[in-house]
Amino acid sequence: MRAWGIILIVFGSLSLLGTLLAAANGAAGSGGGILFIVLGAYLVHRAKQKKEEKNQHDDWSNE
């Protein structure tokens, strides 16, 4: 899940960069890259949260 999150953040950043460059040249663009960045950040956050929950569960089980 973390890997997919990072991939989505990279693609979203590239898309947003392309949109900003197009807007600088006067063309209209969509802000779809922001959606990918937000979704990727959520996936990375969720993967980190699940890892912490697993570590807490393992620590509790070992005691």
PDB file of N, CA and C in Angstrom:
ATOM      1  N   MET A   1       0.830  -1.174   0.000  1.00  0.00           N
ATOM      2  CA  MET A   1       0.000   0.000   0.000  1.00  0.00           C
ATOM      3  C   MET A   1       0.884   1.250   0.000  1.00  0.00           C
ATOM      4  N   ARG A   2       1.996   1.177   0.686  1.00  0.00           N
ATOM      5  CA  ARG A   2       2.908   2.320   0.745  1.00  0.00           C
ATOM      6  C   ARG A   2       3.495   2.611  -0.632  1.00  0.00           C
ATOM      7  N   ALA A   3       3.860   1.557  -1.349  1.00  0.00           N
ATOM      8  CA  ALA A   3       4.449   1.736  -2.678  1.00  0.00           C
ATOM      9  C   ALA A   3       3.458   2.400  -3.632  1.00  0.00           C
ATOM     10  N   TRP A   4       2.196   1.956  -3.589  1.00  0.00           N
ATOM     11  CA  TRP A   4       1.178   2.573  -4.441  1.00  0.00           C
ATOM     12  C   TRP A   4       0.980   4.034  -4.071  1.00  0.00           C
ATOM     13  N   GLY A   5       1.053   4.342  -2.795  1.00  0.00           N
ATOM     14  CA  GLY A   5       0.920   5.722  -2.355  1.00  0.00           C
ATOM     15  C   GLY A   5       2.025   6.600  -2.909  1.00  0.00           C
ATOM     16  N   ILE A   6       3.240   6.099  -2.863  1.00  0.00           N
ATOM     17  CA  ILE A   6       4.370   6.862  -3.395  1.00  0.00           C
ATOM     18  C   ILE A   6       4.242   7.041  -4.907  1.00  0.00           C
ATOM     19  N   ILE A   7       3.813   5.996  -5.596  1.00  0.00           N
ATOM     20  CA  ILE A   7       3.609   6.087  -7.044  1.00  0.00           C
ATOM     21  C   ILE A   7       2.549   7.136  -7.368  1.00  0.00           C
ATOM     22  N   LEU A   8       1.451   7.135  -6.633  1.00  0.00           N
ATOM     23  CA  LEU A   8       0.398   8.111  -6.881  1.00  0.00           C
ATOM     24  C   LEU A   8       0.865   9.537  -6.581  1.00  0.00           C
ATOM     25  N   ILE A   9       1.667   9.704  -5.541  1.00  0.00           N
ATOM     26  CA  ILE A   9       2.193  11.036  -5.235  1.00  0.00           C
ATOM     27  C   ILE A   9       3.093  11.523  -6.370  1.00  0.00           C
ATOM     28  N   VAL A  10       3.931  10.655  -6.902  1.00  0.00           N
ATOM     29  CA  VAL A  10       4.830  11.041  -7.996  1.00  0.00           C
ATOM     30  C   VAL A  10       4.019  11.402  -9.242  1.00  0.00           C
ATOM     31  N   PHE A  11       3.070  10.556  -9.625  1.00  0.00           N
ATOM     32  CA  PHE A  11       2.252  10.850 -10.813  1.00  0.00           C
ATOM     33  C   PHE A  11       1.414  12.110 -10.615  1.00  0.00           C
ATOM     34  N   GLY A  12       0.881  12.284  -9.426  1.00  0.00           N
ATOM     35  CA  GLY A  12       0.106  13.483  -9.142  1.00  0.00           C
ATOM     36  C   GLY A  12       0.956  14.735  -9.216  1.00  0.00           C
ATOM     37  N   SER A  13       2.179  14.653  -8.706  1.00  0.00           N
ATOM     38  CA  SER A  13       3.090  15.801  -8.761  1.00  0.00           C
ATOM     39  C   SER A  13       3.445  16.145 -10.200  1.00  0.00           C
ATOM     40  N   LEU A  14       3.718  15.118 -11.001  1.00  0.00           N
ATOM     41  CA  LEU A  14       4.021  15.362 -12.410  1.00  0.00           C
ATOM     42  C   LEU A  14       2.818  15.955 -13.144  1.00  0.00           C
ATOM     43  N   SER A  15       1.647  15.449 -12.852  1.00  0.00           N
ATOM     44  CA  SER A  15       0.436  15.974 -13.477  1.00  0.00           C
ATOM     45  C   SER A  15       0.191  17.421 -13.076  1.00  0.00           C
ATOM     46  N   LEU A  16       0.379  17.719 -11.814  1.00  0.00           N
ATOM     47  CA  LEU A  16       0.193  19.085 -11.330  1.00  0.00           C
ATOM     48  C   LEU A  16       1.229  20.022 -11.953  1.00  0.00           C
ATOM     49  N   LEU A  17       2.453  19.556 -12.079  1.00  0.00           N
ATOM     50  CA  LEU A  17       3.500  20.352 -12.718  1.00  0.00           C
ATOM     51  C   LEU A  17       3.136  20.641 -14.179  1.00  0.00           C
ATOM     52  N   GLY A  18       2.647  19.630 -14.886  1.00  0.00           N
ATOM     53  CA  GLY A  18       2.215  19.821 -16.269  1.00  0.00           C
ATOM     54  C   GLY A  18       1.064  20.803 -16.377  1.00  0.00           C
ATOM     55  N   THR A  19       0.137  20.744 -15.434  1.00  0.00           N
ATOM     56  CA  THR A  19      -0.992  21.672 -15.419  1.00  0.00           C
ATOM     57  C   THR A  19      -0.508  23.101 -15.179  1.00  0.00           C
ATOM     58  N   LEU A  20       0.421  23.262 -14.261  1.00  0.00           N
ATOM     59  CA  LEU A  20       0.946  24.599 -13.979  1.00  0.00           C
ATOM     60  C   LEU A  20       1.716  25.162 -15.175  1.00  0.00           C
ATOM     61  N   LEU A  21       2.483  24.314 -15.845  1.00  0.00           N
ATOM     62  CA  LEU A  21       3.199  24.765 -17.032  1.00  0.00           C
ATOM     63  C   LEU A  21       2.235  25.123 -18.156  1.00  0.00           C
ATOM     64  N   ALA A  22       1.180  24.352 -18.323  1.00  0.00           N
ATOM     65  CA  ALA A  22       0.178  24.670 -19.342  1.00  0.00           C
ATOM     66  C   ALA A  22      -0.534  25.969 -19.012  1.00  0.00           C
ATOM     67  N   ALA A  23      -0.838  26.188 -17.747  1.00  0.00           N
ATOM     68  CA  ALA A  23      -1.503  27.420 -17.334  1.00  0.00           C
ATOM     69  C   ALA A  23      -0.594  28.627 -17.555  1.00  0.00           C
ATOM     70  N   ALA A  24       0.705  28.441 -17.396  1.00  0.00           N
ATOM     71  CA  ALA A  24       1.644  29.536 -17.629  1.00  0.00           C
ATOM     72  C   ALA A  24       1.691  29.928 -19.099  1.00  0.00           C
ATOM     73  N   ASN A  25       1.387  28.976 -19.978  1.00  0.00           N
ATOM     74  CA  ASN A  25       1.367  29.247 -21.412  1.00  0.00           C
ATOM     75  C   ASN A  25      -0.013  29.665 -21.900  1.00  0.00           C
ATOM     76  N   GLY A  26      -0.965  29.791 -21.011  1.00  0.00           N
ATOM     77  CA  GLY A  26      -2.291  30.271 -21.376  1.00  0.00           C
ATOM     78  C   GLY A  26      -3.324  29.197 -21.653  1.00  0.00           C
ATOM     79  N   ALA A  27      -2.959  27.937 -21.558  1.00  0.00           N
ATOM     80  CA  ALA A  27      -3.914  26.853 -21.797  1.00  0.00           C
ATOM     81  C   ALA A  27      -4.629  26.510 -20.499  1.00  0.00           C
ATOM     82  N   ALA A  28      -5.865  26.065 -20.633  1.00  0.00           N
ATOM     83  CA  ALA A  28      -6.628  25.656 -19.456  1.00  0.00           C
ATOM     84  C   ALA A  28      -6.277  24.201 -19.119  1.00  0.00           C
ATOM     85  N   GLY A  29      -6.202  23.925 -17.853  1.00  0.00           N
ATOM     86  CA  GLY A  29      -5.897  22.567 -17.414  1.00  0.00           C
ATOM     87  C   GLY A  29      -6.739  22.216 -16.207  1.00  0.00           C
ATOM     88  N   SER A  30      -6.789  20.928 -15.916  1.00  0.00           N
ATOM     89  CA  SER A  30      -7.549  20.491 -14.746  1.00  0.00           C
ATOM     90  C   SER A  30      -6.593  20.260 -13.578  1.00  0.00           C
ATOM     91  N   GLY A  31      -7.122  20.283 -12.382  1.00  0.00           N
ATOM     92  CA  GLY A  31      -6.306  20.057 -11.193  1.00  0.00           C
ATOM     93  C   GLY A  31      -6.393  18.626 -10.712  1.00  0.00           C
ATOM     94  N   GLY A  32      -6.467  17.680 -11.630  1.00  0.00           N
ATOM     95  CA  GLY A  32      -6.599  16.270 -11.269  1.00  0.00           C
ATOM     96  C   GLY A  32      -5.407  15.714 -10.521  1.00  0.00           C
ATOM     97  N   GLY A  33      -4.259  16.354 -10.674  1.00  0.00           N
ATOM     98  CA  GLY A  33      -3.061  15.880  -9.986  1.00  0.00           C
ATOM     99  C   GLY A  33      -3.191  15.989  -8.482  1.00  0.00           C
ATOM    100  N   ILE A  34      -3.957  16.958  -8.029  1.00  0.00           N
ATOM    101  CA  ILE A  34      -4.145  17.151  -6.590  1.00  0.00           C
ATOM    102  C   ILE A  34      -4.841  15.935  -5.985  1.00  0.00           C
ATOM    103  N   LEU A  35      -5.800  15.384  -6.719  1.00  0.00           N
ATOM    104  CA  LEU A  35      -6.520  14.195  -6.240  1.00  0.00           C
ATOM    105  C   LEU A  35      -5.555  13.032  -6.035  1.00  0.00           C
ATOM    106  N   PHE A  36      -4.640  12.824  -6.982  1.00  0.00           N
ATOM    107  CA  PHE A  36      -3.682  11.732  -6.860  1.00  0.00           C
ATOM    108  C   PHE A  36      -2.715  11.963  -5.693  1.00  0.00           C
ATOM    109  N   ILE A  37      -2.320  13.210  -5.481  1.00  0.00           N
ATOM    110  CA  ILE A  37      -1.424  13.517  -4.371  1.00  0.00           C
ATOM    111  C   ILE A  37      -2.107  13.230  -3.040  1.00  0.00           C
ATOM    112  N   VAL A  38      -3.354  13.654  -2.916  1.00  0.00           N
ATOM    113  CA  VAL A  38      -4.096  13.424  -1.671  1.00  0.00           C
ATOM    114  C   VAL A  38      -4.316  11.931  -1.439  1.00  0.00           C
ATOM    115  N   LEU A  39      -4.708  11.217  -2.477  1.00  0.00           N
ATOM    116  CA  LEU A  39      -4.933   9.778  -2.339  1.00  0.00           C
ATOM    117  C   LEU A  39      -3.627   9.055  -1.993  1.00  0.00           C
ATOM    118  N   GLY A  40      -2.526   9.430  -2.629  1.00  0.00           N
ATOM    119  CA  GLY A  40      -1.233   8.823  -2.338  1.00  0.00           C
ATOM    120  C   GLY A  40      -0.787   9.096  -0.910  1.00  0.00           C
ATOM    121  N   ALA A  41      -0.994  10.333  -0.459  1.00  0.00           N
ATOM    122  CA  ALA A  41      -0.628  10.680   0.919  1.00  0.00           C
ATOM    123  C   ALA A  41      -1.461   9.881   1.912  1.00  0.00           C
ATOM    124  N   TYR A  42      -2.739   9.675   1.596  1.00  0.00           N
ATOM    125  CA  TYR A  42      -3.593   8.874   2.473  1.00  0.00           C
ATOM    126  C   TYR A  42      -3.088   7.429   2.541  1.00  0.00           C
ATOM    127  N   LEU A  43      -2.727   6.865   1.395  1.00  0.00           N
ATOM    128  CA  LEU A  43      -2.248   5.483   1.387  1.00  0.00           C
ATOM    129  C   LEU A  43      -0.950   5.337   2.173  1.00  0.00           C
ATOM    130  N   VAL A  44      -0.037   6.296   2.035  1.00  0.00           N
ATOM    131  CA  VAL A  44       1.219   6.241   2.785  1.00  0.00           C
ATOM    132  C   VAL A  44       0.932   6.367   4.283  1.00  0.00           C
ATOM    133  N   HIS A  45       0.039   7.293   4.643  1.00  0.00           N
ATOM    134  CA  HIS A  45      -0.318   7.477   6.056  1.00  0.00           C
ATOM    135  C   HIS A  45      -0.966   6.216   6.620  1.00  0.00           C
ATOM    136  N   ARG A  46      -1.861   5.622   5.857  1.00  0.00           N
ATOM    137  CA  ARG A  46      -2.563   4.413   6.322  1.00  0.00           C
ATOM    138  C   ARG A  46      -1.601   3.245   6.490  1.00  0.00           C
ATOM    139  N   ALA A  47      -0.636   3.116   5.582  1.00  0.00           N
ATOM    140  CA  ALA A  47       0.354   2.042   5.692  1.00  0.00           C
ATOM    141  C   ALA A  47       1.207   2.231   6.947  1.00  0.00           C
ATOM    142  N   LYS A  48       1.583   3.476   7.228  1.00  0.00           N
ATOM    143  CA  LYS A  48       2.369   3.762   8.436  1.00  0.00           C
ATOM    144  C   LYS A  48       1.552   3.454   9.685  1.00  0.00           C
ATOM    145  N   GLN A  49       0.281   3.818   9.662  1.00  0.00           N
ATOM    146  CA  GLN A  49      -0.599   3.580  10.800  1.00  0.00           C
ATOM    147  C   GLN A  49      -0.771   2.082  11.045  1.00  0.00           C
ATOM    148  N   LYS A  50      -0.960   1.297   9.969  1.00  0.00           N
ATOM    149  CA  LYS A  50      -1.113  -0.144  10.117  1.00  0.00           C
ATOM    150  C   LYS A  50       0.166  -0.785  10.657  1.00  0.00           C
ATOM    151  N   LYS A  51       1.333  -0.268  10.231  1.00  0.00           N
ATOM    152  CA  LYS A  51       2.596  -0.803  10.729  1.00  0.00           C
ATOM    153  C   LYS A  51       2.740  -0.535  12.219  1.00  0.00           C
ATOM    154  N   GLU A  52       2.370   0.668  12.659  1.00  0.00           N
ATOM    155  CA  GLU A  52       2.440   0.993  14.086  1.00  0.00           C
ATOM    156  C   GLU A  52       1.479   0.131  14.896  1.00  0.00           C
ATOM    157  N   GLU A  53       0.267  -0.094  14.373  1.00  0.00           N
ATOM    158  CA  GLU A  53      -0.701  -0.947  15.061  1.00  0.00           C
ATOM    159  C   GLU A  53      -0.163  -2.369  15.190  1.00  0.00           C
ATOM    160  N   LYS A  54       0.483  -2.868  14.125  1.00  0.00           N
ATOM    161  CA  LYS A  54       1.042  -4.217  14.158  1.00  0.00           C
ATOM    162  C   LYS A  54       2.171  -4.298  15.182  1.00  0.00           C
ATOM    163  N   ASN A  55       3.028  -3.271  15.216  1.00  0.00           N
ATOM    164  CA  ASN A  55       4.119  -3.261  16.192  1.00  0.00           C
ATOM    165  C   ASN A  55       3.582  -3.230  17.620  1.00  0.00           C
ATOM    166  N   GLN A  56       2.551  -2.438  17.868  1.00  0.00           N
ATOM    167  CA  GLN A  56       1.950  -2.386  19.204  1.00  0.00           C
ATOM    168  C   GLN A  56       1.339  -3.732  19.570  1.00  0.00           C
ATOM    169  N   HIS A  57       0.701  -4.375  18.596  1.00  0.00           N
ATOM    170  CA  HIS A  57       0.092  -5.676  18.854  1.00  0.00           C
ATOM    171  C   HIS A  57       1.170  -6.713  19.143  1.00  0.00           C
ATOM    172  N   ASP A  58       2.268  -6.668  18.384  1.00  0.00           N
ATOM    173  CA  ASP A  58       3.366  -7.614  18.610  1.00  0.00           C
ATOM    174  C   ASP A  58       4.012  -7.382  19.964  1.00  0.00           C
ATOM    175  N   ASP A  59       4.199  -6.118  20.342  1.00  0.00           N
ATOM    176  CA  ASP A  59       4.777  -5.809  21.644  1.00  0.00           C
ATOM    177  C   ASP A  59       3.874  -6.311  22.768  1.00  0.00           C
ATOM    178  N   TRP A  60       2.570  -6.162  22.596  1.00  0.00           N
ATOM    179  CA  TRP A  60       1.615  -6.599  23.609  1.00  0.00           C
ATOM    180  C   TRP A  60       1.608  -8.128  23.680  1.00  0.00           C
ATOM    181  N   SER A  61       1.736  -8.790  22.534  1.00  0.00           N
ATOM    182  CA  SER A  61       1.715 -10.261  22.515  1.00  0.00           C
ATOM    183  C   SER A  61       2.955 -10.848  23.148  1.00  0.00           C
ATOM    184  N   ASN A  62       4.084 -10.165  23.040  1.00  0.00           N
ATOM    185  CA  ASN A  62       5.338 -10.698  23.572  1.00  0.00           C
ATOM    186  C   ASN A  62       5.441 -10.565  25.087  1.00  0.00           C
ATOM    187  N   GLU A  63       4.624  -9.731  25.674  1.00  0.00           N
ATOM    188  CA  GLU A  63       4.725  -9.545  27.131  1.00  0.00           C
ATOM    189  C   GLU A  63       3.968 -10.592  27.883  1.00  0.00           C
TER     190      GLU A  63
END
